[in-house]
Amino acid sequence: MIYLMNNPKVIILLTVYAKDLPAYLHLSIDSMLEQTYEPLEILLGIDGPIGEELKQCIATYADNKRITILPFKENRGVAATLNDMIEWGQTHEYQYFARMDADDISLPDRIQLQMTYLLAHPDIDIVGGATNEIDEEGYNRGKINHYPLTPEACFHYFAKRNPVAHPAVIIKQSFFDKAGCLYRPEYRQNQDTMLWFDGLKKGALIANLENVVLNFRVTQDFFSKRRNGLQYAKGLLKDRKIINRELNYGFMATIYAYMLFFFRICPTWIIRMAYKFL
């Protein structure tokens, strides 16, 4: 552990819902418990009812003083759950909120690298990093996703797609202060895109590390989730038009949004094939 008396405390926001797999959740939580950075606390937000296997998995961590379990009776979606978790963290005076998904694995030095960067760049409100894709068995898929490094590059990149990987970010309280909001709870999907939009239009700064900080799990469901029907694709296109207009991204950004619209309504096998080149 790298622990200094003046290290700011970090809270990990890890949401869990009924369809998460206990084996993956164990690996996800353990990867955070093994971080080289301290002080760090894990907040498990349970989004509605879960099965017995998940309950047993979570129960194995019940006595860990670094983990707080926050159960919710109803399944309301990631955005609403994260908002309650952030508000919990705010009442406990946290200023740094790290995201984590229940099927991904953080590298041991992830938080240390990101906090070192944030402390050296106090103007930055969010920092992400590169992600390495793994399959259902945990083997590398041979694909590393890199994101733009500077705030300027992140802003321009957002004209096409998200400038950070959601489960790989640390968000400072300053981002929420600038945005004037948390996640939009009405969004069951695409909630991260709209949060980045709300912050960027208010002058928030986003950056990334060149380092790989997270093993991002790509399962069979990953590609089918990217094809969510015509209505969902229409909703994303509508959001993108608003983003492009308010951030002045121009005509080509709108053309790209239409390309993504048609991509999302393609058969899954086409999405799977095209993803190799995205």
Protein backbone atom coordinates (compact mmCIF):
# COMPACT_ATOMS: atom_id res chain seq x y z
CA MET A 1 0.00 0.00 0.00
CA ILE A 2 1.09 3.57 -0.72
CA TYR A 3 -0.25 5.55 2.19
CA LEU A 4 0.60 9.11 3.09
CA MET A 5 -1.05 11.18 5.77
CA ASN A 6 -2.07 13.82 3.21
CA ASN A 7 -3.51 11.41 0.62
CA PRO A 8 -7.10 12.46 -0.16
CA LYS A 9 -9.60 9.71 0.50
CA VAL A 10 -11.23 8.03 -2.49
CA ILE A 11 -14.57 6.24 -2.64
CA ILE A 12 -15.26 3.49 -5.18
CA LEU A 13 -18.80 3.49 -6.60
CA LEU A 14 -19.60 -0.10 -7.56
CA THR A 15 -23.18 -0.90 -8.55
CA VAL A 16 -24.63 -4.42 -8.44
CA TYR A 17 -27.88 -5.73 -9.87
CA ALA A 18 -29.64 -9.07 -10.28
CA LYS A 19 -27.96 -10.17 -13.53
CA ASP A 20 -24.38 -9.64 -12.33
CA LEU A 21 -22.35 -12.84 -11.87
CA PRO A 22 -20.93 -13.56 -8.39
CA ALA A 23 -17.61 -14.83 -9.78
CA TYR A 24 -17.06 -11.60 -11.69
CA LEU A 25 -18.16 -9.48 -8.74
CA HIS A 26 -15.61 -11.19 -6.49
CA LEU A 27 -12.82 -10.34 -8.92
CA SER A 28 -14.03 -6.76 -9.26
CA ILE A 29 -14.20 -6.12 -5.51
CA ASP A 30 -10.90 -7.88 -4.85
CA SER A 31 -9.17 -5.75 -7.49
CA MET A 32 -10.18 -2.68 -5.52
CA LEU A 33 -9.16 -4.14 -2.18
CA GLU A 34 -5.73 -4.82 -3.69
CA GLN A 35 -5.16 -1.23 -4.83
CA THR A 36 -1.81 0.30 -3.94
CA TYR A 37 -3.50 3.55 -2.93
CA GLU A 38 -4.88 4.42 0.50
CA PRO A 39 -7.17 5.71 2.00
CA LEU A 40 -9.84 4.03 -0.10
CA GLU A 41 -13.37 2.86 0.63
CA ILE A 42 -15.69 0.73 -1.50
CA LEU A 43 -19.38 1.57 -1.65
CA LEU A 44 -21.50 -1.30 -2.98
CA GLY A 45 -24.85 -0.04 -4.27
CA ILE A 46 -27.31 -2.91 -4.73
CA ASP A 47 -29.83 -1.84 -7.35
CA GLY A 48 -32.95 -3.76 -6.33
CA PRO A 49 -33.55 -7.43 -5.45
CA ILE A 50 -30.74 -9.91 -6.14
CA GLY A 51 -30.47 -13.70 -6.02
CA GLU A 52 -29.06 -15.87 -3.25
CA GLU A 53 -25.68 -16.41 -4.93
CA LEU A 54 -25.06 -12.69 -5.23
CA LYS A 55 -26.22 -12.21 -1.64
CA GLN A 56 -23.74 -14.84 -0.47
CA CYS A 57 -20.97 -13.25 -2.49
CA ILE A 58 -21.61 -9.84 -0.97
CA ALA A 59 -21.98 -11.33 2.52
CA THR A 60 -18.35 -12.50 2.40
CA TYR A 61 -17.35 -8.82 2.52
CA ALA A 62 -19.82 -7.76 5.22
CA ASP A 63 -17.14 -7.59 7.93
CA ASN A 64 -14.62 -5.68 5.82
CA LYS A 65 -14.30 -2.21 7.31
CA ARG A 66 -13.31 -0.75 3.94
CA ILE A 67 -16.61 -1.79 2.35
CA THR A 68 -20.03 -0.22 2.90
CA ILE A 69 -23.09 -1.97 1.48
CA LEU A 70 -25.97 0.26 0.38
CA PRO A 71 -29.04 -1.81 -0.62
CA PHE A 72 -32.06 -0.39 -2.45
CA LYS A 73 -35.44 -2.11 -2.54
CA GLU A 74 -36.27 -1.34 -6.17
CA ASN A 75 -34.33 -1.68 -9.39
CA ARG A 76 -34.15 1.91 -10.64
CA GLY A 77 -31.17 1.75 -12.98
CA VAL A 78 -27.51 2.67 -12.70
CA ALA A 79 -28.02 6.45 -12.85
CA ALA A 80 -30.45 6.66 -9.93
CA THR A 81 -28.38 4.25 -7.86
CA LEU A 82 -25.15 6.14 -8.56
CA ASN A 83 -26.78 9.42 -7.60
CA ASP A 84 -27.72 8.07 -4.18
CA MET A 85 -24.21 6.67 -3.78
CA ILE A 86 -22.62 9.99 -4.71
CA GLU A 87 -24.84 11.82 -2.25
CA TRP A 88 -23.83 9.31 0.42
CA GLY A 89 -20.19 10.02 -0.38
CA GLN A 90 -20.76 13.77 -0.29
CA THR A 91 -22.30 13.57 3.19
CA HIS A 92 -19.17 11.70 4.26
CA GLU A 93 -16.97 14.46 2.80
CA TYR A 94 -15.55 12.56 -0.16
CA GLN A 95 -14.17 14.66 -3.00
CA TYR A 96 -12.98 11.84 -5.29
CA PHE A 97 -15.42 9.30 -6.74
CA ALA A 98 -14.00 6.33 -8.67
CA ARG A 99 -16.32 4.27 -10.88
CA MET A 100 -16.20 0.52 -11.19
CA ASP A 101 -18.43 -2.09 -12.83
CA ALA A 102 -19.21 -5.48 -11.33
CA ASP A 103 -17.61 -7.47 -14.14
CA ASP A 104 -14.40 -5.50 -14.77
CA ILE A 105 -11.04 -5.74 -13.02
CA SER A 106 -8.95 -2.72 -12.03
CA LEU A 107 -5.18 -2.97 -12.24
CA PRO A 108 -3.51 -2.71 -8.80
CA ASP A 109 -1.98 0.74 -9.43
CA ARG A 110 -5.05 2.24 -11.11
CA ILE A 111 -6.12 4.58 -8.30
CA GLN A 112 -2.54 5.49 -7.43
CA LEU A 113 -1.80 6.54 -11.03
CA GLN A 114 -5.03 8.47 -11.40
CA MET A 115 -4.75 10.27 -8.07
CA THR A 116 -1.14 11.17 -8.76
CA TYR A 117 -2.29 12.75 -12.01
CA LEU A 118 -5.22 14.60 -10.44
CA LEU A 119 -3.10 16.00 -7.62
CA ALA A 120 -0.54 17.20 -10.16
CA HIS A 121 -3.28 18.74 -12.37
CA PRO A 122 -5.78 20.40 -10.01
CA ASP A 123 -7.68 21.96 -12.93
CA ILE A 124 -8.77 18.53 -14.23
CA ASP A 125 -12.22 17.35 -13.09
CA ILE A 126 -12.23 13.79 -14.47
CA VAL A 127 -9.42 11.41 -15.34
CA GLY A 128 -9.79 8.09 -17.10
CA GLY A 129 -7.32 5.76 -18.74
CA ALA A 130 -6.82 3.07 -21.34
CA THR A 131 -8.67 -0.24 -21.01
CA ASN A 132 -7.61 -3.76 -21.95
CA GLU A 133 -10.38 -6.04 -23.17
CA ILE A 134 -10.78 -9.49 -21.64
CA ASP A 135 -13.26 -12.22 -22.50
CA GLU A 136 -15.68 -14.17 -20.32
CA GLU A 137 -12.87 -16.41 -19.06
CA GLY A 138 -10.57 -13.49 -18.28
CA TYR A 139 -8.24 -13.96 -21.26
CA ASN A 140 -7.00 -10.97 -23.23
CA ARG A 141 -8.90 -10.31 -26.45
CA GLY A 142 -5.93 -8.53 -28.04
CA LYS A 143 -7.54 -5.10 -28.01
CA ILE A 144 -6.54 -2.06 -25.94
CA ASN A 145 -8.82 0.97 -26.06
CA HIS A 146 -6.94 4.26 -25.85
CA TYR A 147 -8.65 7.57 -25.21
CA PRO A 148 -7.50 11.17 -25.86
CA LEU A 149 -5.13 12.47 -23.20
CA THR A 150 -5.72 16.23 -22.98
CA PRO A 151 -8.89 18.20 -22.18
CA GLU A 152 -8.85 19.76 -25.64
CA ALA A 153 -8.54 16.38 -27.33
CA CYS A 154 -11.28 14.91 -25.11
CA PHE A 155 -13.64 17.75 -26.00
CA HIS A 156 -13.13 17.25 -29.74
CA TYR A 157 -13.34 13.45 -29.42
CA PHE A 158 -16.75 13.80 -27.79
CA ALA A 159 -18.09 14.97 -31.16
CA LYS A 160 -18.04 11.28 -32.13
CA ARG A 161 -18.02 9.19 -28.97
CA ASN A 162 -17.41 9.23 -25.23
CA PRO A 163 -13.98 10.61 -24.29
CA VAL A 164 -13.52 8.25 -21.32
CA ALA A 165 -14.42 4.71 -20.32
CA HIS A 166 -17.12 5.06 -17.67
CA PRO A 167 -15.93 2.24 -15.34
CA ALA A 168 -12.35 3.56 -15.49
CA VAL A 169 -12.83 7.15 -14.29
CA ILE A 170 -12.24 9.13 -11.13
CA ILE A 171 -14.64 12.06 -10.91
CA LYS A 172 -13.82 14.97 -8.64
CA GLN A 173 -16.53 16.80 -6.74
CA SER A 174 -15.55 19.85 -8.80
CA PHE A 175 -17.10 18.19 -11.86
CA PHE A 176 -20.51 17.92 -10.19
CA ASP A 177 -20.16 21.49 -8.93
CA LYS A 178 -19.50 22.77 -12.45
CA ALA A 179 -22.17 20.61 -14.09
CA GLY A 180 -24.71 21.62 -11.45
CA CYS A 181 -26.16 18.11 -11.46
CA LEU A 182 -25.48 14.41 -11.04
CA TYR A 183 -26.48 11.64 -13.48
CA ARG A 184 -29.81 12.09 -15.24
CA PRO A 185 -31.93 9.45 -13.47
CA GLU A 186 -34.34 9.09 -16.40
CA TYR A 187 -31.57 7.49 -18.43
CA ARG A 188 -31.38 3.72 -18.00
CA GLN A 189 -28.64 3.67 -20.62
CA ASN A 190 -26.34 6.34 -22.02
CA GLN A 191 -26.29 8.02 -18.60
CA ASP A 192 -22.53 8.55 -18.76
CA THR A 193 -22.72 10.32 -22.14
CA MET A 194 -25.24 12.80 -20.80
CA LEU A 195 -23.20 13.40 -17.65
CA TRP A 196 -20.09 14.20 -19.70
CA PHE A 197 -22.26 16.52 -21.81
CA ASP A 198 -23.67 18.31 -18.77
CA GLY A 199 -20.14 18.89 -17.48
CA LEU A 200 -18.44 19.83 -20.74
CA LYS A 201 -21.01 22.47 -21.61
CA LYS A 202 -20.26 24.11 -18.25
CA GLY A 203 -16.49 24.10 -18.78
CA ALA A 204 -15.47 20.93 -16.95
CA LEU A 205 -12.14 19.42 -18.00
CA ILE A 206 -11.66 15.73 -18.82
CA ALA A 207 -8.35 13.94 -19.38
CA ASN A 208 -6.97 10.42 -19.63
CA LEU A 209 -3.85 8.53 -18.69
CA GLU A 210 -1.98 6.71 -21.41
CA ASN A 211 -1.64 3.76 -19.00
CA VAL A 212 -4.00 0.80 -19.04
CA VAL A 213 -5.92 1.05 -15.76
CA LEU A 214 -8.73 -1.48 -16.21
CA ASN A 215 -9.44 -4.89 -17.69
CA PHE A 216 -12.76 -4.37 -19.46
CA ARG A 217 -14.81 -7.55 -19.79
CA VAL A 218 -16.49 -8.16 -23.15
CA THR A 219 -19.08 -10.95 -22.93
CA GLN A 220 -21.52 -12.40 -25.45
CA ASP A 221 -24.16 -10.00 -24.13
CA PHE A 222 -21.93 -7.00 -24.84
CA PHE A 223 -22.75 -6.96 -28.55
CA SER A 224 -26.44 -7.69 -28.21
CA LYS A 225 -26.73 -4.80 -25.75
CA ARG A 226 -25.41 -2.51 -28.47
CA ARG A 227 -28.40 -3.43 -30.60
CA ASN A 228 -31.33 -2.30 -28.49
CA GLY A 229 -33.97 -1.67 -31.14
CA LEU A 230 -35.18 1.20 -33.22
CA GLN A 231 -36.62 3.28 -30.38
CA TYR A 232 -33.39 3.13 -28.41
CA ALA A 233 -31.35 4.08 -31.47
CA LYS A 234 -33.70 7.00 -32.13
CA GLY A 235 -33.22 8.19 -28.55
CA LEU A 236 -29.43 8.13 -28.90
CA LEU A 237 -29.63 10.02 -32.18
CA LYS A 238 -31.85 12.66 -30.56
CA ASP A 239 -29.37 13.05 -27.69
CA ARG A 240 -26.45 13.33 -30.10
CA LYS A 241 -28.18 16.07 -32.07
CA ILE A 242 -28.63 18.05 -28.86
CA ILE A 243 -24.99 17.50 -27.88
CA ASN A 244 -23.74 18.51 -31.31
CA ARG A 245 -25.88 21.64 -31.38
CA GLU A 246 -25.06 22.88 -27.87
CA LEU A 247 -21.32 22.12 -28.12
CA ASN A 248 -21.09 23.45 -31.70
CA TYR A 249 -19.60 20.30 -33.17
CA GLY A 250 -20.81 21.01 -36.68
CA PHE A 251 -22.26 19.14 -39.63
CA MET A 252 -19.81 16.23 -39.74
CA ALA A 253 -20.62 15.30 -36.13
CA THR A 254 -24.27 14.97 -37.10
CA ILE A 255 -23.36 12.78 -40.07
CA TYR A 256 -21.39 10.56 -37.71
CA ALA A 257 -24.38 10.40 -35.35
CA TYR A 258 -26.53 9.09 -38.19
CA MET A 259 -23.87 6.51 -39.02
CA LEU A 260 -23.98 5.29 -35.42
CA PHE A 261 -27.77 5.20 -35.60
CA PHE A 262 -27.71 2.79 -38.54
CA PHE A 263 -24.93 0.81 -36.90
CA ARG A 264 -27.02 0.27 -33.76
CA ILE A 265 -29.96 -1.19 -35.65
CA CYS A 266 -27.78 -3.63 -37.59
CA PRO A 267 -27.88 -7.37 -36.84
CA THR A 268 -25.63 -8.42 -33.96
CA TRP A 269 -23.20 -10.29 -36.24
CA ILE A 270 -22.49 -7.07 -38.15
CA ILE A 271 -21.95 -5.15 -34.90
CA ARG A 272 -19.57 -7.86 -33.68
CA MET A 273 -17.56 -7.73 -36.91
CA ALA A 274 -17.46 -3.92 -37.11
CA TYR A 275 -16.43 -3.59 -33.44
CA LYS A 276 -13.01 -5.02 -34.27
CA PHE A 277 -12.25 -1.89 -36.26
CA LEU A 278 -13.84 0.75 -34.01
